[in-house]
Each structure stands twice: as structure tokens, then as C-alpha cells.
Amino acid sequence: MKTDYFKWTKEKIDMDLFTRITNDISIMGGKPCIKGTRVTVGMILAQLGGGQSIDEVLDDYPYLSREDILAALEYGAWAVSSQELVM
């Protein structure tokens, strides 16, 4: 799946891009989660950042799909790109 980096920007966000990600204050304190689960984007990114492969993450969460993991990565990239860094 090729991702167009410029389909989301700070100025314009198409939330339909994140249909697999939800934010609900009553679930995990409002942290972004994979829809229908209590698995946060941060949990997935931490595992991938710690060196696990997508397949290993899927072994840990067999109810998730590869598309869920990719959606978490895309959401994480969007979240970081939407913040300004003051140096």
C-alpha cells in the first residue's frame, strides 16, 4: 500500500483517513486506539520502535489486522508532523 505523504497536512486533515483509529475519553483515557479495541496507537508504535516486526505485533494481538498496524503507523506520522518544534 503506497501512502501519499501529502494527503494529510497540518492545515487540512481528512479524518476519513483514520477510520481504524478512535479517540474516546471513556476508553484508555482518550488515547488514540485501534477501533473496537483497547490497543493504543502508542502501544503498537512502542513495540515496532522496540524492534518487533509487524508479524510479531500481530502475534501479540491476533485480533488486529496488518491494516490496523499500518493505520497506527500512519496516525503516528500524522501526529508528529502536525506539531511545531521550537528550536
C-alpha atoms as a PDB file:
ATOM      1  CA  MET A   1       0.000   0.000   0.000  1.00  0.00           C
ATOM      2  CA  LYS A   2       1.602   3.259  -1.112  1.00  0.00           C
ATOM      3  CA  THR A   3       0.844   6.197   1.161  1.00  0.00           C
ATOM      4  CA  ASP A   4       0.686   9.710  -0.219  1.00  0.00           C
ATOM      5  CA  TYR A   5       2.542  11.718   2.432  1.00  0.00           C
ATOM      6  CA  PHE A   6       0.748  14.914   1.495  1.00  0.00           C
ATOM      7  CA  LYS A   7      -2.811  13.646   1.850  1.00  0.00           C
ATOM      8  CA  TRP A   8      -2.771  14.918   5.426  1.00  0.00           C
ATOM      9  CA  THR A   9      -1.272  18.193   6.471  1.00  0.00           C
ATOM     10  CA  LYS A  10      -1.486  20.469   9.476  1.00  0.00           C
ATOM     11  CA  GLU A  11      -3.863  22.756   7.610  1.00  0.00           C
ATOM     12  CA  LYS A  12      -6.259  20.103   6.286  1.00  0.00           C
ATOM     13  CA  ILE A  13      -6.959  16.746   7.846  1.00  0.00           C
ATOM     14  CA  ASP A  14      -9.277  14.218   6.250  1.00  0.00           C
ATOM     15  CA  MET A  15     -10.325  12.200   9.298  1.00  0.00           C
ATOM     16  CA  ASP A  16     -11.677   9.510   6.974  1.00  0.00           C
ATOM     17  CA  LEU A  17      -8.026   8.518   6.622  1.00  0.00           C
ATOM     18  CA  PHE A  18      -8.116   7.352  10.218  1.00  0.00           C
ATOM     19  CA  THR A  19     -11.271   5.206  10.155  1.00  0.00           C
ATOM     20  CA  ARG A  20      -9.413   2.468  12.054  1.00  0.00           C
ATOM     21  CA  ILE A  21      -8.365   4.859  14.840  1.00  0.00           C
ATOM     22  CA  THR A  22     -10.731   6.180  17.504  1.00  0.00           C
ATOM     23  CA  ASN A  23     -10.467   8.605  20.410  1.00  0.00           C
ATOM     24  CA  ASP A  24     -12.979   8.126  23.210  1.00  0.00           C
ATOM     25  CA  ILE A  25     -12.382   9.645  26.636  1.00  0.00           C
ATOM     26  CA  SER A  26     -14.035   6.598  28.238  1.00  0.00           C
ATOM     27  CA  ILE A  27     -11.578   4.194  26.594  1.00  0.00           C
ATOM     28  CA  MET A  28      -7.932   4.296  27.627  1.00  0.00           C
ATOM     29  CA  GLY A  29      -8.307   7.896  28.817  1.00  0.00           C
ATOM     30  CA  GLY A  30      -8.950   9.178  25.308  1.00  0.00           C
ATOM     31  CA  LYS A  31      -5.704   7.918  23.818  1.00  0.00           C
ATOM     32  CA  PRO A  32      -5.981   7.011  20.138  1.00  0.00           C
ATOM     33  CA  CYS A  33      -6.869   3.310  19.872  1.00  0.00           C
ATOM     34  CA  ILE A  34      -7.497   0.780  17.166  1.00  0.00           C
ATOM     35  CA  LYS A  35     -11.252   0.886  16.641  1.00  0.00           C
ATOM     36  CA  GLY A  36     -13.151  -1.659  18.727  1.00  0.00           C
ATOM     37  CA  THR A  37     -10.152  -2.461  20.960  1.00  0.00           C
ATOM     38  CA  ARG A  38      -8.251  -1.097  23.930  1.00  0.00           C
ATOM     39  CA  VAL A  39      -4.971  -1.294  21.998  1.00  0.00           C
ATOM     40  CA  THR A  40      -3.479   2.183  21.751  1.00  0.00           C
ATOM     41  CA  VAL A  41      -1.506   3.567  18.851  1.00  0.00           C
ATOM     42  CA  GLY A  42       1.282   4.218  21.347  1.00  0.00           C
ATOM     43  CA  MET A  43       1.412   0.551  22.367  1.00  0.00           C
ATOM     44  CA  ILE A  44       1.821  -0.509  18.744  1.00  0.00           C
ATOM     45  CA  LEU A  45       4.417   2.149  17.971  1.00  0.00           C
ATOM     46  CA  ALA A  46       6.394   1.238  21.095  1.00  0.00           C
ATOM     47  CA  GLN A  47       6.567  -2.401  20.033  1.00  0.00           C
ATOM     48  CA  LEU A  48       7.620  -1.533  16.495  1.00  0.00           C
ATOM     49  CA  GLY A  49      10.131   1.009  17.809  1.00  0.00           C
ATOM     50  CA  GLY A  50      11.482  -1.656  20.145  1.00  0.00           C
ATOM     51  CA  GLY A  51      12.385  -3.829  17.180  1.00  0.00           C
ATOM     52  CA  GLN A  52       9.374  -6.100  16.816  1.00  0.00           C
ATOM     53  CA  SER A  53       8.155  -6.822  13.316  1.00  0.00           C
ATOM     54  CA  ILE A  54       4.564  -6.302  12.218  1.00  0.00           C
ATOM     55  CA  ASP A  55       4.105 -10.075  12.287  1.00  0.00           C
ATOM     56  CA  GLU A  56       5.339 -10.220  15.895  1.00  0.00           C
ATOM     57  CA  VAL A  57       2.913  -7.470  16.899  1.00  0.00           C
ATOM     58  CA  LEU A  58       0.118  -9.386  15.185  1.00  0.00           C
ATOM     59  CA  ASP A  59       1.125 -12.485  17.169  1.00  0.00           C
ATOM     60  CA  ASP A  60       0.706 -10.425  20.367  1.00  0.00           C
ATOM     61  CA  TYR A  61      -2.670  -9.065  19.220  1.00  0.00           C
ATOM     62  CA  PRO A  62      -4.206 -11.743  16.959  1.00  0.00           C
ATOM     63  CA  TYR A  63      -7.477  -9.786  16.720  1.00  0.00           C
ATOM     64  CA  LEU A  64      -5.703  -6.945  14.882  1.00  0.00           C
ATOM     65  CA  SER A  65      -5.005  -6.874  11.157  1.00  0.00           C
ATOM     66  CA  ARG A  66      -1.979  -5.727   9.216  1.00  0.00           C
ATOM     67  CA  GLU A  67      -4.088  -2.744   8.091  1.00  0.00           C
ATOM     68  CA  ASP A  68      -4.631  -1.808  11.758  1.00  0.00           C
ATOM     69  CA  ILE A  69      -0.871  -1.728  12.331  1.00  0.00           C
ATOM     70  CA  LEU A  70      -0.312   0.351   9.197  1.00  0.00           C
ATOM     71  CA  ALA A  71      -3.080   2.739  10.293  1.00  0.00           C
ATOM     72  CA  ALA A  72      -1.326   3.160  13.654  1.00  0.00           C
ATOM     73  CA  LEU A  73       1.930   3.983  11.866  1.00  0.00           C
ATOM     74  CA  GLU A  74       0.201   6.497   9.627  1.00  0.00           C
ATOM     75  CA  TYR A  75      -1.588   8.101  12.581  1.00  0.00           C
ATOM     76  CA  GLY A  76       1.710   8.350  14.464  1.00  0.00           C
ATOM     77  CA  ALA A  77       3.374  10.011  11.476  1.00  0.00           C
ATOM     78  CA  TRP A  78       0.492  12.462  11.199  1.00  0.00           C
ATOM     79  CA  ALA A  79       0.580  13.254  14.921  1.00  0.00           C
ATOM     80  CA  VAL A  80       4.292  14.038  14.824  1.00  0.00           C
ATOM     81  CA  SER A  81       4.083  16.068  11.615  1.00  0.00           C
ATOM     82  CA  SER A  82       1.279  18.209  12.977  1.00  0.00           C
ATOM     83  CA  GLN A  83       3.400  19.588  15.820  1.00  0.00           C
ATOM     84  CA  GLU A  84       5.725  22.547  15.510  1.00  0.00           C
ATOM     85  CA  LEU A  85       9.161  22.273  17.055  1.00  0.00           C
ATOM     86  CA  VAL A  86      10.670  25.400  18.531  1.00  0.00           C
ATOM     87  CA  MET A  87      14.431  25.355  18.461  1.00  0.00           C
END
